[in-house]
Amino acid sequence: MAAPSKTRKPKADYTALADNHLSCREFRHSWAQSGPYRVEWHVMEGRKGKQRILARTAQCVRCDTVRVDKYRETWDKQGSNYAYVDGYELKGVDRGNVTHEVHSEFFKRSVAQHGIVEADNA
């Protein structure tokens, strides 16, 4: 009996990422609120009437990705939506997943730009 074949995800090409996109993958996004809270009205399943939802928009100061967080009036978070800029998303890479490949590519670029030094405590 043949062993089941494993489906492998294609390897992502992190070398194709712009420096600011790679930095966001390495350090996470650097969010700043980018406007006032918006009041939205939503019909909630199983409830009569509409419920007020407060939406806050933030934008990453490095890569311009936009995040919209939605909260109930009790400040229970309802969820977040993201709008990624062109070139940020890579095929075969899960969102929010920082891999060894990200660390390796970031290290290579950092050394090329800033060099590397020996620590004084050697």
PDB file of N, CA and C in Angstrom:
ATOM      1  N   MET A   1       0.842  -1.176   0.000  1.00  0.00           N
ATOM      2  CA  MET A   1       0.000   0.000   0.000  1.00  0.00           C
ATOM      3  C   MET A   1       0.889   1.241   0.000  1.00  0.00           C
ATOM      4  N   ALA A   2       0.589   2.163  -0.891  1.00  0.00           N
ATOM      5  CA  ALA A   2       1.386   3.376  -1.025  1.00  0.00           C
ATOM      6  C   ALA A   2       1.071   4.342   0.107  1.00  0.00           C
ATOM      7  N   ALA A   3       2.091   5.053   0.541  1.00  0.00           N
ATOM      8  CA  ALA A   3       1.915   6.061   1.592  1.00  0.00           C
ATOM      9  C   ALA A   3       1.142   7.250   1.024  1.00  0.00           C
ATOM     10  N   PRO A   4       0.284   7.841   1.850  1.00  0.00           N
ATOM     11  CA  PRO A   4      -0.455   9.006   1.360  1.00  0.00           C
ATOM     12  C   PRO A   4       0.501  10.141   0.999  1.00  0.00           C
ATOM     13  N   SER A   5       0.210  10.812  -0.097  1.00  0.00           N
ATOM     14  CA  SER A   5       1.086  11.906  -0.511  1.00  0.00           C
ATOM     15  C   SER A   5       0.778  13.151   0.323  1.00  0.00           C
ATOM     16  N   LYS A   6       1.817  13.864   0.659  1.00  0.00           N
ATOM     17  CA  LYS A   6       1.659  15.093   1.433  1.00  0.00           C
ATOM     18  C   LYS A   6       1.621  16.270   0.466  1.00  0.00           C
ATOM     19  N   THR A   7       0.647  17.116   0.650  1.00  0.00           N
ATOM     20  CA  THR A   7       0.555  18.316  -0.164  1.00  0.00           C
ATOM     21  C   THR A   7       1.363  19.404   0.514  1.00  0.00           C
ATOM     22  N   ARG A   8       2.336  19.928  -0.205  1.00  0.00           N
ATOM     23  CA  ARG A   8       3.174  20.986   0.348  1.00  0.00           C
ATOM     24  C   ARG A   8       2.748  22.332  -0.208  1.00  0.00           C
ATOM     25  N   LYS A   9       2.757  23.298   0.677  1.00  0.00           N
ATOM     26  CA  LYS A   9       2.485  24.650   0.234  1.00  0.00           C
ATOM     27  C   LYS A   9       3.703  25.148  -0.537  1.00  0.00           C
ATOM     28  N   PRO A  10       3.471  25.957  -1.575  1.00  0.00           N
ATOM     29  CA  PRO A  10       4.625  26.513  -2.271  1.00  0.00           C
ATOM     30  C   PRO A  10       5.399  27.438  -1.343  1.00  0.00           C
ATOM     31  N   LYS A  11       6.731  27.414  -1.480  1.00  0.00           N
ATOM     32  CA  LYS A  11       7.549  28.294  -0.630  1.00  0.00           C
ATOM     33  C   LYS A  11       7.347  29.728  -1.059  1.00  0.00           C
ATOM     34  N   ALA A  12       7.173  30.582  -0.087  1.00  0.00           N
ATOM     35  CA  ALA A  12       6.978  32.008  -0.361  1.00  0.00           C
ATOM     36  C   ALA A  12       8.317  32.641  -0.710  1.00  0.00           C
ATOM     37  N   ASP A  13       8.287  33.603  -1.607  1.00  0.00           N
ATOM     38  CA  ASP A  13       9.488  34.317  -2.003  1.00  0.00           C
ATOM     39  C   ASP A  13       9.591  35.613  -1.210  1.00  0.00           C
ATOM     40  N   TYR A  14      10.183  35.529  -0.030  1.00  0.00           N
ATOM     41  CA  TYR A  14      10.307  36.708   0.829  1.00  0.00           C
ATOM     42  C   TYR A  14      11.292  37.719   0.258  1.00  0.00           C
ATOM     43  N   THR A  15      12.166  37.275  -0.642  1.00  0.00           N
ATOM     44  CA  THR A  15      13.110  38.208  -1.256  1.00  0.00           C
ATOM     45  C   THR A  15      12.381  39.229  -2.122  1.00  0.00           C
ATOM     46  N   ALA A  16      11.152  38.928  -2.540  1.00  0.00           N
ATOM     47  CA  ALA A  16      10.380  39.829  -3.395  1.00  0.00           C
ATOM     48  C   ALA A  16       9.663  40.917  -2.588  1.00  0.00           C
ATOM     49  N   LEU A  17       9.631  40.787  -1.274  1.00  0.00           N
ATOM     50  CA  LEU A  17       8.930  41.770  -0.449  1.00  0.00           C
ATOM     51  C   LEU A  17       9.712  43.078  -0.356  1.00  0.00           C
ATOM     52  N   ALA A  18       8.984  44.185  -0.380  1.00  0.00           N
ATOM     53  CA  ALA A  18       9.601  45.480  -0.118  1.00  0.00           C
ATOM     54  C   ALA A  18      10.104  45.491   1.324  1.00  0.00           C
ATOM     55  N   ASP A  19      11.112  46.315   1.604  1.00  0.00           N
ATOM     56  CA  ASP A  19      11.699  46.372   2.949  1.00  0.00           C
ATOM     57  C   ASP A  19      10.651  46.674   4.021  1.00  0.00           C
ATOM     58  N   ASN A  20       9.747  47.628   3.747  1.00  0.00           N
ATOM     59  CA  ASN A  20       8.756  47.974   4.770  1.00  0.00           C
ATOM     60  C   ASN A  20       7.777  46.822   5.005  1.00  0.00           C
ATOM     61  N   HIS A  21       7.456  46.050   3.984  1.00  0.00           N
ATOM     62  CA  HIS A  21       6.567  44.899   4.158  1.00  0.00           C
ATOM     63  C   HIS A  21       7.266  43.806   4.970  1.00  0.00           C
ATOM     64  N   LEU A  22       8.545  43.593   4.696  1.00  0.00           N
ATOM     65  CA  LEU A  22       9.311  42.602   5.456  1.00  0.00           C
ATOM     66  C   LEU A  22       9.430  43.035   6.915  1.00  0.00           C
ATOM     67  N   SER A  23       9.642  44.328   7.154  1.00  0.00           N
ATOM     68  CA  SER A  23       9.733  44.837   8.535  1.00  0.00           C
ATOM     69  C   SER A  23       8.435  44.590   9.292  1.00  0.00           C
ATOM     70  N   CYS A  24       7.293  44.782   8.620  1.00  0.00           N
ATOM     71  CA  CYS A  24       6.009  44.541   9.283  1.00  0.00           C
ATOM     72  C   CYS A  24       5.821  43.059   9.597  1.00  0.00           C
ATOM     73  N   ARG A  25       6.322  42.198   8.744  1.00  0.00           N
ATOM     74  CA  ARG A  25       6.231  40.761   9.029  1.00  0.00           C
ATOM     75  C   ARG A  25       7.160  40.374  10.172  1.00  0.00           C
ATOM     76  N   GLU A  26       8.297  41.016  10.260  1.00  0.00           N
ATOM     77  CA  GLU A  26       9.268  40.714  11.322  1.00  0.00           C
ATOM     78  C   GLU A  26       8.840  41.284  12.665  1.00  0.00           C
ATOM     79  N   PHE A  27       8.411  42.546  12.695  1.00  0.00           N
ATOM     80  CA  PHE A  27       8.113  43.239  13.956  1.00  0.00           C
ATOM     81  C   PHE A  27       6.632  43.395  14.252  1.00  0.00           C
ATOM     82  N   ARG A  28       5.771  43.025  13.321  1.00  0.00           N
ATOM     83  CA  ARG A  28       4.323  43.276  13.352  1.00  0.00           C
ATOM     84  C   ARG A  28       4.076  44.723  12.924  1.00  0.00           C
ATOM     85  N   HIS A  29       2.855  45.010  12.615  1.00  0.00           N
ATOM     86  CA  HIS A  29       2.501  46.351  12.159  1.00  0.00           C
ATOM     87  C   HIS A  29       2.636  47.367  13.291  1.00  0.00           C
ATOM     88  N   SER A  30       2.868  48.599  12.907  1.00  0.00           N
ATOM     89  CA  SER A  30       2.943  49.713  13.848  1.00  0.00           C
ATOM     90  C   SER A  30       1.713  50.582  13.595  1.00  0.00           C
ATOM     91  N   TRP A  31       0.662  50.366  14.408  1.00  0.00           N
ATOM     92  CA  TRP A  31      -0.635  50.979  14.148  1.00  0.00           C
ATOM     93  C   TRP A  31      -0.753  52.376  14.732  1.00  0.00           C
ATOM     94  N   ALA A  32      -1.465  53.223  13.988  1.00  0.00           N
ATOM     95  CA  ALA A  32      -1.840  54.553  14.475  1.00  0.00           C
ATOM     96  C   ALA A  32      -3.283  54.794  14.048  1.00  0.00           C
ATOM     97  N   GLN A  33      -4.079  55.336  14.964  1.00  0.00           N
ATOM     98  CA  GLN A  33      -5.477  55.614  14.627  1.00  0.00           C
ATOM     99  C   GLN A  33      -5.509  56.620  13.479  1.00  0.00           C
ATOM    100  N   SER A  34      -6.383  56.374  12.494  1.00  0.00           N
ATOM    101  CA  SER A  34      -6.376  57.230  11.306  1.00  0.00           C
ATOM    102  C   SER A  34      -7.727  57.889  11.036  1.00  0.00           C
ATOM    103  N   GLY A  35      -8.412  58.262  12.078  1.00  0.00           N
ATOM    104  CA  GLY A  35      -9.683  58.958  11.910  1.00  0.00           C
ATOM    105  C   GLY A  35     -10.544  58.779  13.145  1.00  0.00           C
ATOM    106  N   PRO A  36     -11.720  59.409  13.143  1.00  0.00           N
ATOM    107  CA  PRO A  36     -12.604  59.307  14.304  1.00  0.00           C
ATOM    108  C   PRO A  36     -13.291  57.938  14.366  1.00  0.00           C
ATOM    109  N   TYR A  37     -13.832  57.622  15.534  1.00  0.00           N
ATOM    110  CA  TYR A  37     -14.678  56.435  15.645  1.00  0.00           C
ATOM    111  C   TYR A  37     -15.914  56.676  14.793  1.00  0.00           C
ATOM    112  N   ARG A  38     -16.390  55.629  14.143  1.00  0.00           N
ATOM    113  CA  ARG A  38     -17.631  55.703  13.378  1.00  0.00           C
ATOM    114  C   ARG A  38     -18.684  54.884  14.092  1.00  0.00           C
ATOM    115  N   VAL A  39     -19.903  55.364  14.068  1.00  0.00           N
ATOM    116  CA  VAL A  39     -21.023  54.612  14.628  1.00  0.00           C
ATOM    117  C   VAL A  39     -21.710  53.897  13.472  1.00  0.00           C
ATOM    118  N   GLU A  40     -21.849  52.571  13.605  1.00  0.00           N
ATOM    119  CA  GLU A  40     -22.538  51.773  12.599  1.00  0.00           C
ATOM    120  C   GLU A  40     -23.695  51.053  13.273  1.00  0.00           C
ATOM    121  N   TRP A  41     -24.752  50.839  12.536  1.00  0.00           N
ATOM    122  CA  TRP A  41     -25.916  50.126  13.065  1.00  0.00           C
ATOM    123  C   TRP A  41     -26.019  48.788  12.361  1.00  0.00           C
ATOM    124  N   HIS A  42     -26.090  47.705  13.158  1.00  0.00           N
ATOM    125  CA  HIS A  42     -26.148  46.356  12.612  1.00  0.00           C
ATOM    126  C   HIS A  42     -27.345  45.610  13.175  1.00  0.00           C
ATOM    127  N   VAL A  43     -27.978  44.819  12.316  1.00  0.00           N
ATOM    128  CA  VAL A  43     -29.029  43.920  12.778  1.00  0.00           C
ATOM    129  C   VAL A  43     -28.327  42.660  13.262  1.00  0.00           C
ATOM    130  N   MET A  44     -28.541  42.305  14.514  1.00  0.00           N
ATOM    131  CA  MET A  44     -27.899  41.132  15.099  1.00  0.00           C
ATOM    132  C   MET A  44     -28.884  39.972  15.086  1.00  0.00           C
ATOM    133  N   GLU A  45     -28.426  38.830  14.659  1.00  0.00           N
ATOM    134  CA  GLU A  45     -29.286  37.653  14.578  1.00  0.00           C
ATOM    135  C   GLU A  45     -29.851  37.309  15.955  1.00  0.00           C
ATOM    136  N   GLY A  46     -31.139  37.046  16.009  1.00  0.00           N
ATOM    137  CA  GLY A  46     -31.791  36.654  17.249  1.00  0.00           C
ATOM    138  C   GLY A  46     -32.143  37.818  18.153  1.00  0.00           C
ATOM    139  N   ARG A  47     -31.964  39.048  17.689  1.00  0.00           N
ATOM    140  CA  ARG A  47     -32.286  40.216  18.506  1.00  0.00           C
ATOM    141  C   ARG A  47     -33.217  41.132  17.731  1.00  0.00           C
ATOM    142  N   LYS A  48     -34.053  41.811  18.474  1.00  0.00           N
ATOM    143  CA  LYS A  48     -34.944  42.781  17.849  1.00  0.00           C
ATOM    144  C   LYS A  48     -34.214  44.106  17.727  1.00  0.00           C
ATOM    145  N   GLY A  49     -34.467  44.806  16.657  1.00  0.00           N
ATOM    146  CA  GLY A  49     -33.866  46.113  16.466  1.00  0.00           C
ATOM    147  C   GLY A  49     -32.423  46.019  16.032  1.00  0.00           C
ATOM    148  N   LYS A  50     -31.801  47.168  15.999  1.00  0.00           N
ATOM    149  CA  LYS A  50     -30.410  47.255  15.578  1.00  0.00           C
ATOM    150  C   LYS A  50     -29.515  47.524  16.776  1.00  0.00           C
ATOM    151  N   GLN A  51     -28.262  47.094  16.636  1.00  0.00           N
ATOM    152  CA  GLN A  51     -27.289  47.315  17.703  1.00  0.00           C
ATOM    153  C   GLN A  51     -26.230  48.287  17.189  1.00  0.00           C
ATOM    154  N   ARG A  52     -25.844  49.186  18.063  1.00  0.00           N
ATOM    155  CA  ARG A  52     -24.825  50.158  17.695  1.00  0.00           C
ATOM    156  C   ARG A  52     -23.442  49.532  17.829  1.00  0.00           C
ATOM    157  N   ILE A  53     -22.643  49.676  16.782  1.00  0.00           N
ATOM    158  CA  ILE A  53     -21.269  49.181  16.763  1.00  0.00           C
ATOM    159  C   ILE A  53     -20.357  50.378  16.550  1.00  0.00           C
ATOM    160  N   LEU A  54     -19.278  50.445  17.316  1.00  0.00           N
ATOM    161  CA  LEU A  54     -18.282  51.497  17.163  1.00  0.00           C
ATOM    162  C   LEU A  54     -17.114  50.936  16.363  1.00  0.00           C
ATOM    163  N   ALA A  55     -16.766  51.617  15.285  1.00  0.00           N
ATOM    164  CA  ALA A  55     -15.678  51.156  14.417  1.00  0.00           C
ATOM    165  C   ALA A  55     -14.513  52.137  14.500  1.00  0.00           C
ATOM    166  N   ARG A  56     -13.324  51.579  14.668  1.00  0.00           N
ATOM    167  CA  ARG A  56     -12.106  52.386  14.746  1.00  0.00           C
ATOM    168  C   ARG A  56     -11.183  51.967  13.602  1.00  0.00           C
ATOM    169  N   THR A  57     -10.686  52.938  12.866  1.00  0.00           N
ATOM    170  CA  THR A  57      -9.773  52.653  11.757  1.00  0.00           C
ATOM    171  C   THR A  57      -8.357  53.016  12.167  1.00  0.00           C
ATOM    172  N   ALA A  58      -7.441  52.111  11.866  1.00  0.00           N
ATOM    173  CA  ALA A  58      -6.020  52.348  12.129  1.00  0.00           C
ATOM    174  C   ALA A  58      -5.249  52.027  10.855  1.00  0.00           C
ATOM    175  N   GLN A  59      -4.091  52.675  10.711  1.00  0.00           N
ATOM    176  CA  GLN A  59      -3.257  52.434   9.545  1.00  0.00           C
ATOM    177  C   GLN A  59      -1.830  52.200  10.010  1.00  0.00           C
ATOM    178  N   CYS A  60      -1.165  51.246   9.370  1.00  0.00           N
ATOM    179  CA  CYS A  60       0.226  50.966   9.714  1.00  0.00           C
ATOM    180  C   CYS A  60       1.104  52.101   9.195  1.00  0.00           C
ATOM    181  N   VAL A  61       1.962  52.626  10.068  1.00  0.00           N
ATOM    182  CA  VAL A  61       2.812  53.751   9.683  1.00  0.00           C
ATOM    183  C   VAL A  61       3.955  53.318   8.763  1.00  0.00           C
ATOM    184  N   ARG A  62       4.249  52.009   8.685  1.00  0.00           N
ATOM    185  CA  ARG A  62       5.316  51.539   7.803  1.00  0.00           C
ATOM    186  C   ARG A  62       4.808  51.148   6.417  1.00  0.00           C
ATOM    187  N   CYS A  63       3.706  50.362   6.372  1.00  0.00           N
ATOM    188  CA  CYS A  63       3.306  49.775   5.084  1.00  0.00           C
ATOM    189  C   CYS A  63       1.945  50.230   4.586  1.00  0.00           C
ATOM    190  N   ASP A  64       1.229  51.030   5.351  1.00  0.00           N
ATOM    191  CA  ASP A  64      -0.082  51.582   4.969  1.00  0.00           C
ATOM    192  C   ASP A  64      -1.233  50.573   4.969  1.00  0.00           C
ATOM    193  N   THR A  65      -1.043  49.371   5.513  1.00  0.00           N
ATOM    194  CA  THR A  65      -2.159  48.444   5.688  1.00  0.00           C
ATOM    195  C   THR A  65      -3.191  49.108   6.601  1.00  0.00           C
ATOM    196  N   VAL A  66      -4.475  48.879   6.316  1.00  0.00           N
ATOM    197  CA  VAL A  66      -5.554  49.483   7.103  1.00  0.00           C
ATOM    198  C   VAL A  66      -6.275  48.383   7.887  1.00  0.00           C
ATOM    199  N   ARG A  67      -6.553  48.670   9.155  1.00  0.00           N
ATOM    200  CA  ARG A  67      -7.296  47.741  10.022  1.00  0.00           C
ATOM    201  C   ARG A  67      -8.511  48.467  10.569  1.00  0.00           C
ATOM    202  N   VAL A  68      -9.663  47.805  10.527  1.00  0.00           N
ATOM    203  CA  VAL A  68     -10.882  48.355  11.124  1.00  0.00           C
ATOM    204  C   VAL A  68     -11.311  47.409  12.236  1.00  0.00           C
ATOM    205  N   ASP A  69     -11.309  47.918  13.481  1.00  0.00           N
ATOM    206  CA  ASP A  69     -11.759  47.152  14.647  1.00  0.00           C
ATOM    207  C   ASP A  69     -13.194  47.559  14.945  1.00  0.00           C
ATOM    208  N   LYS A  70     -14.033  46.575  15.288  1.00  0.00           N
ATOM    209  CA  LYS A  70     -15.427  46.877  15.619  1.00  0.00           C
ATOM    210  C   LYS A  70     -15.726  46.407  17.040  1.00  0.00           C
ATOM    211  N   TYR A  71     -16.393  47.306  17.801  1.00  0.00           N
ATOM    212  CA  TYR A  71     -16.705  47.048  19.206  1.00  0.00           C
ATOM    213  C   TYR A  71     -18.189  47.288  19.466  1.00  0.00           C
ATOM    214  N   ARG A  72     -18.732  46.505  20.401  1.00  0.00           N
ATOM    215  CA  ARG A  72     -20.063  46.813  20.929  1.00  0.00           C
ATOM    216  C   ARG A  72     -19.924  47.981  21.890  1.00  0.00           C
ATOM    217  N   GLU A  73     -21.036  48.534  22.308  1.00  0.00           N
ATOM    218  CA  GLU A  73     -20.987  49.645  23.266  1.00  0.00           C
ATOM    219  C   GLU A  73     -20.379  49.227  24.600  1.00  0.00           C
ATOM    220  N   THR A  74     -20.368  47.936  24.897  1.00  0.00           N
ATOM    221  CA  THR A  74     -19.767  47.425  26.133  1.00  0.00           C
ATOM    222  C   THR A  74     -18.259  47.220  25.978  1.00  0.00           C
ATOM    223  N   TRP A  75     -17.715  47.564  24.820  1.00  0.00           N
ATOM    224  CA  TRP A  75     -16.313  47.417  24.442  1.00  0.00           C
ATOM    225  C   TRP A  75     -15.903  45.969  24.222  1.00  0.00           C
ATOM    226  N   ASP A  76     -16.873  45.071  24.063  1.00  0.00           N
ATOM    227  CA  ASP A  76     -16.553  43.716  23.626  1.00  0.00           C
ATOM    228  C   ASP A  76     -16.189  43.808  22.150  1.00  0.00           C
ATOM    229  N   LYS A  77     -15.032  43.280  21.802  1.00  0.00           N
ATOM    230  CA  LYS A  77     -14.576  43.376  20.412  1.00  0.00           C
ATOM    231  C   LYS A  77     -15.358  42.404  19.538  1.00  0.00           C
ATOM    232  N   GLN A  78     -15.875  42.915  18.437  1.00  0.00           N
ATOM    233  CA  GLN A  78     -16.645  42.115  17.490  1.00  0.00           C
ATOM    234  C   GLN A  78     -15.753  41.495  16.429  1.00  0.00           C
ATOM    235  N   GLY A  79     -14.603  42.065  16.181  1.00  0.00           N
ATOM    236  CA  GLY A  79     -13.691  41.549  15.173  1.00  0.00           C
ATOM    237  C   GLY A  79     -12.929  42.661  14.487  1.00  0.00           C
ATOM    238  N   SER A  80     -12.069  42.252  13.568  1.00  0.00           N
ATOM    239  CA  SER A  80     -11.254  43.200  12.814  1.00  0.00           C
ATOM    240  C   SER A  80     -11.240  42.796  11.353  1.00  0.00           C
ATOM    241  N   ASN A  81     -11.124  43.787  10.496  1.00  0.00           N
ATOM    242  CA  ASN A  81     -10.961  43.562   9.065  1.00  0.00           C
ATOM    243  C   ASN A  81      -9.694  44.279   8.627  1.00  0.00           C
ATOM    244  N   TYR A  82      -8.999  43.698   7.659  1.00  0.00           N
ATOM    245  CA  TYR A  82      -7.753  44.266   7.176  1.00  0.00           C
ATOM    246  C   TYR A  82      -7.827  44.505   5.677  1.00  0.00           C
ATOM    247  N   ALA A  83      -7.215  45.584   5.234  1.00  0.00           N
ATOM    248  CA  ALA A  83      -7.054  45.861   3.806  1.00  0.00           C
ATOM    249  C   ALA A  83      -5.551  46.001   3.576  1.00  0.00           C
ATOM    250  N   TYR A  84      -4.960  44.964   2.983  1.00  0.00           N
ATOM    251  CA  TYR A  84      -3.516  44.964   2.759  1.00  0.00           C
ATOM    252  C   TYR A  84      -3.169  45.705   1.476  1.00  0.00           C
ATOM    253  N   VAL A  85      -2.041  46.372   1.484  1.00  0.00           N
ATOM    254  CA  VAL A  85      -1.575  47.100   0.305  1.00  0.00           C
ATOM    255  C   VAL A  85      -1.012  46.099  -0.709  1.00  0.00           C
ATOM    256  N   ASP A  86      -0.967  46.519  -1.957  1.00  0.00           N
ATOM    257  CA  ASP A  86      -0.433  45.657  -3.013  1.00  0.00           C
ATOM    258  C   ASP A  86       0.992  45.229  -2.673  1.00  0.00           C
ATOM    259  N   GLY A  87       1.274  43.961  -2.874  1.00  0.00           N
ATOM    260  CA  GLY A  87       2.613  43.432  -2.644  1.00  0.00           C
ATOM    261  C   GLY A  87       2.856  42.897  -1.253  1.00  0.00           C
ATOM    262  N   TYR A  88       1.926  43.124  -0.318  1.00  0.00           N
ATOM    263  CA  TYR A  88       2.153  42.664   1.053  1.00  0.00           C
ATOM    264  C   TYR A  88       1.849  41.168   1.214  1.00  0.00           C
ATOM    265  N   GLU A  89       0.746  40.729   0.644  1.00  0.00           N
ATOM    266  CA  GLU A  89       0.352  39.334   0.809  1.00  0.00           C
ATOM    267  C   GLU A  89       1.153  38.437  -0.127  1.00  0.00           C
ATOM    268  N   LEU A  90       1.521  37.265   0.371  1.00  0.00           N
ATOM    269  CA  LEU A  90       2.263  36.292  -0.424  1.00  0.00           C
ATOM    270  C   LEU A  90       1.462  35.002  -0.531  1.00  0.00           C
ATOM    271  N   LYS A  91       1.438  34.434  -1.697  1.00  0.00           N
ATOM    272  CA  LYS A  91       0.731  33.179  -1.918  1.00  0.00           C
ATOM    273  C   LYS A  91       1.366  32.077  -1.068  1.00  0.00           C
ATOM    274  N   GLY A  92       0.523  31.322  -0.368  1.00  0.00           N
ATOM    275  CA  GLY A  92       1.007  30.202   0.425  1.00  0.00           C
ATOM    276  C   GLY A  92       1.454  30.563   1.824  1.00  0.00           C
ATOM    277  N   VAL A  93       1.278  31.821   2.225  1.00  0.00           N
ATOM    278  CA  VAL A  93       1.696  32.253   3.565  1.00  0.00           C
ATOM    279  C   VAL A  93       0.464  32.600   4.372  1.00  0.00           C
ATOM    280  N   ASP A  94       0.341  31.985   5.540  1.00  0.00           N
ATOM    281  CA  ASP A  94      -0.772  32.289   6.431  1.00  0.00           C
ATOM    282  C   ASP A  94      -0.580  33.678   7.009  1.00  0.00           C
ATOM    283  N   ARG A  95      -1.679  34.376   7.210  1.00  0.00           N
ATOM    284  CA  ARG A  95      -1.609  35.716   7.796  1.00  0.00           C
ATOM    285  C   ARG A  95      -1.118  35.642   9.237  1.00  0.00           C
ATOM    286  N   GLY A  96      -0.271  36.584   9.591  1.00  0.00           N
ATOM    287  CA  GLY A  96       0.224  36.654  10.960  1.00  0.00           C
ATOM    288  C   GLY A  96       1.274  35.622  11.299  1.00  0.00           C
ATOM    289  N   ASN A  97       1.694  34.839  10.311  1.00  0.00           N
ATOM    290  CA  ASN A  97       2.652  33.775  10.561  1.00  0.00           C
ATOM    291  C   ASN A  97       4.066  34.278  10.280  1.00  0.00           C
ATOM    292  N   VAL A  98       4.879  34.412  11.325  1.00  0.00           N
ATOM    293  CA  VAL A  98       6.270  34.815  11.152  1.00  0.00           C
ATOM    294  C   VAL A  98       7.105  33.537  11.132  1.00  0.00           C
ATOM    295  N   THR A  99       7.768  33.317  10.017  1.00  0.00           N
ATOM    296  CA  THR A  99       8.512  32.068   9.825  1.00  0.00           C
ATOM    297  C   THR A  99      10.018  32.286   9.933  1.00  0.00           C
ATOM    298  N   HIS A 100      10.731  31.184   9.942  1.00  0.00           N
ATOM    299  CA  HIS A 100      12.192  31.257   9.932  1.00  0.00           C
ATOM    300  C   HIS A 100      12.674  31.977   8.668  1.00  0.00           C
ATOM    301  N   GLU A 101      11.945  31.791   7.572  1.00  0.00           N
ATOM    302  CA  GLU A 101      12.324  32.445   6.321  1.00  0.00           C
ATOM    303  C   GLU A 101      12.244  33.969   6.442  1.00  0.00           C
ATOM    304  N   VAL A 102      11.216  34.456   7.173  1.00  0.00           N
ATOM    305  CA  VAL A 102      11.099  35.906   7.402  1.00  0.00           C
ATOM    306  C   VAL A 102      12.300  36.391   8.208  1.00  0.00           C
ATOM    307  N   HIS A 103      12.615  35.696   9.301  1.00  0.00           N
ATOM    308  CA  HIS A 103      13.754  36.093  10.139  1.00  0.00           C
ATOM    309  C   HIS A 103      15.052  36.074   9.330  1.00  0.00           C
ATOM    310  N   SER A 104      15.234  35.038   8.529  1.00  0.00           N
ATOM    311  CA  SER A 104      16.453  34.894   7.734  1.00  0.00           C
ATOM    312  C   SER A 104      16.592  36.017   6.712  1.00  0.00           C
ATOM    313  N   GLU A 105      15.525  36.313   5.984  1.00  0.00           N
ATOM    314  CA  GLU A 105      15.574  37.381   4.980  1.00  0.00           C
ATOM    315  C   GLU A 105      15.790  38.734   5.642  1.00  0.00           C
ATOM    316  N   PHE A 106      15.129  38.969   6.775  1.00  0.00           N
ATOM    317  CA  PHE A 106      15.311  40.234   7.482  1.00  0.00           C
ATOM    318  C   PHE A 106      16.760  40.367   7.955  1.00  0.00           C
ATOM    319  N   PHE A 107      17.326  39.291   8.485  1.00  0.00           N
ATOM    320  CA  PHE A 107      18.720  39.299   8.954  1.00  0.00           C
ATOM    321  C   PHE A 107      19.669  39.616   7.799  1.00  0.00           C
ATOM    322  N   LYS A 108      19.491  38.972   6.658  1.00  0.00           N
ATOM    323  CA  LYS A 108      20.366  39.206   5.500  1.00  0.00           C
ATOM    324  C   LYS A 108      20.329  40.675   5.078  1.00  0.00           C
ATOM    325  N   ARG A 109      19.133  41.240   4.998  1.00  0.00           N
ATOM    326  CA  ARG A 109      19.016  42.637   4.583  1.00  0.00           C
ATOM    327  C   ARG A 109      19.597  43.576   5.637  1.00  0.00           C
ATOM    328  N   SER A 110      19.381  43.267   6.900  1.00  0.00           N
ATOM    329  CA  SER A 110      19.877  44.105   7.988  1.00  0.00           C
ATOM    330  C   SER A 110      21.400  44.122   8.004  1.00  0.00           C
ATOM    331  N   VAL A 111      22.010  42.947   7.834  1.00  0.00           N
ATOM    332  CA  VAL A 111      23.474  42.865   7.820  1.00  0.00           C
ATOM    333  C   VAL A 111      24.026  43.610   6.613  1.00  0.00           C
ATOM    334  N   ALA A 112      23.368  43.470   5.452  1.00  0.00           N
ATOM    335  CA  ALA A 112      23.825  44.166   4.251  1.00  0.00           C
ATOM    336  C   ALA A 112      23.758  45.683   4.442  1.00  0.00           C
ATOM    337  N   GLN A 113      22.756  46.158   5.163  1.00  0.00           N
ATOM    338  CA  GLN A 113      22.579  47.601   5.344  1.00  0.00           C
ATOM    339  C   GLN A 113      23.384  48.155   6.524  1.00  0.00           C
ATOM    340  N   HIS A 114      23.409  47.413   7.640  1.00  0.00           N
ATOM    341  CA  HIS A 114      23.997  47.937   8.878  1.00  0.00           C
ATOM    342  C   HIS A 114      25.287  47.239   9.301  1.00  0.00           C
ATOM    343  N   GLY A 115      25.578  46.119   8.704  1.00  0.00           N
ATOM    344  CA  GLY A 115      26.763  45.353   9.100  1.00  0.00           C
ATOM    345  C   GLY A 115      26.472  44.503  10.327  1.00  0.00           C
ATOM    346  N   ILE A 116      27.523  43.920  10.878  1.00  0.00           N
ATOM    347  CA  ILE A 116      27.392  43.090  12.071  1.00  0.00           C
ATOM    348  C   ILE A 116      28.645  43.317  12.904  1.00  0.00           C
ATOM    349  N   VAL A 117      28.507  43.371  14.219  1.00  0.00           N
ATOM    350  CA  VAL A 117      29.644  43.616  15.101  1.00  0.00           C
ATOM    351  C   VAL A 117      29.690  42.556  16.186  1.00  0.00           C
ATOM    352  N   GLU A 118      30.841  42.361  16.719  1.00  0.00           N
ATOM    353  CA  GLU A 118      31.048  41.433  17.826  1.00  0.00           C
ATOM    354  C   GLU A 118      30.637  42.120  19.115  1.00  0.00           C
ATOM    355  N   ALA A 119      29.982  41.392  19.991  1.00  0.00           N
ATOM    356  CA  ALA A 119      29.584  41.950  21.285  1.00  0.00           C
ATOM    357  C   ALA A 119      30.813  42.165  22.154  1.00  0.00           C
ATOM    358  N   ASP A 120      30.750  43.154  23.052  1.00  0.00           N
ATOM    359  CA  ASP A 120      31.882  43.470  23.935  1.00  0.00           C
ATOM    360  C   ASP A 120      32.102  42.395  24.990  1.00  0.00           C
ATOM    361  N   ASN A 121      31.128  41.546  25.217  1.00  0.00           N
ATOM    362  CA  ASN A 121      31.238  40.562  26.306  1.00  0.00           C
ATOM    363  C   ASN A 121      31.811  39.234  25.839  1.00  0.00           C
ATOM    364  N   ALA A 122      32.500  39.224  24.711  1.00  0.00           N
ATOM    365  CA  ALA A 122      33.058  37.971  24.166  1.00  0.00           C
ATOM    366  C   ALA A 122      34.179  37.454  24.999  1.00  0.00           C
TER     367      ALA A 122
END
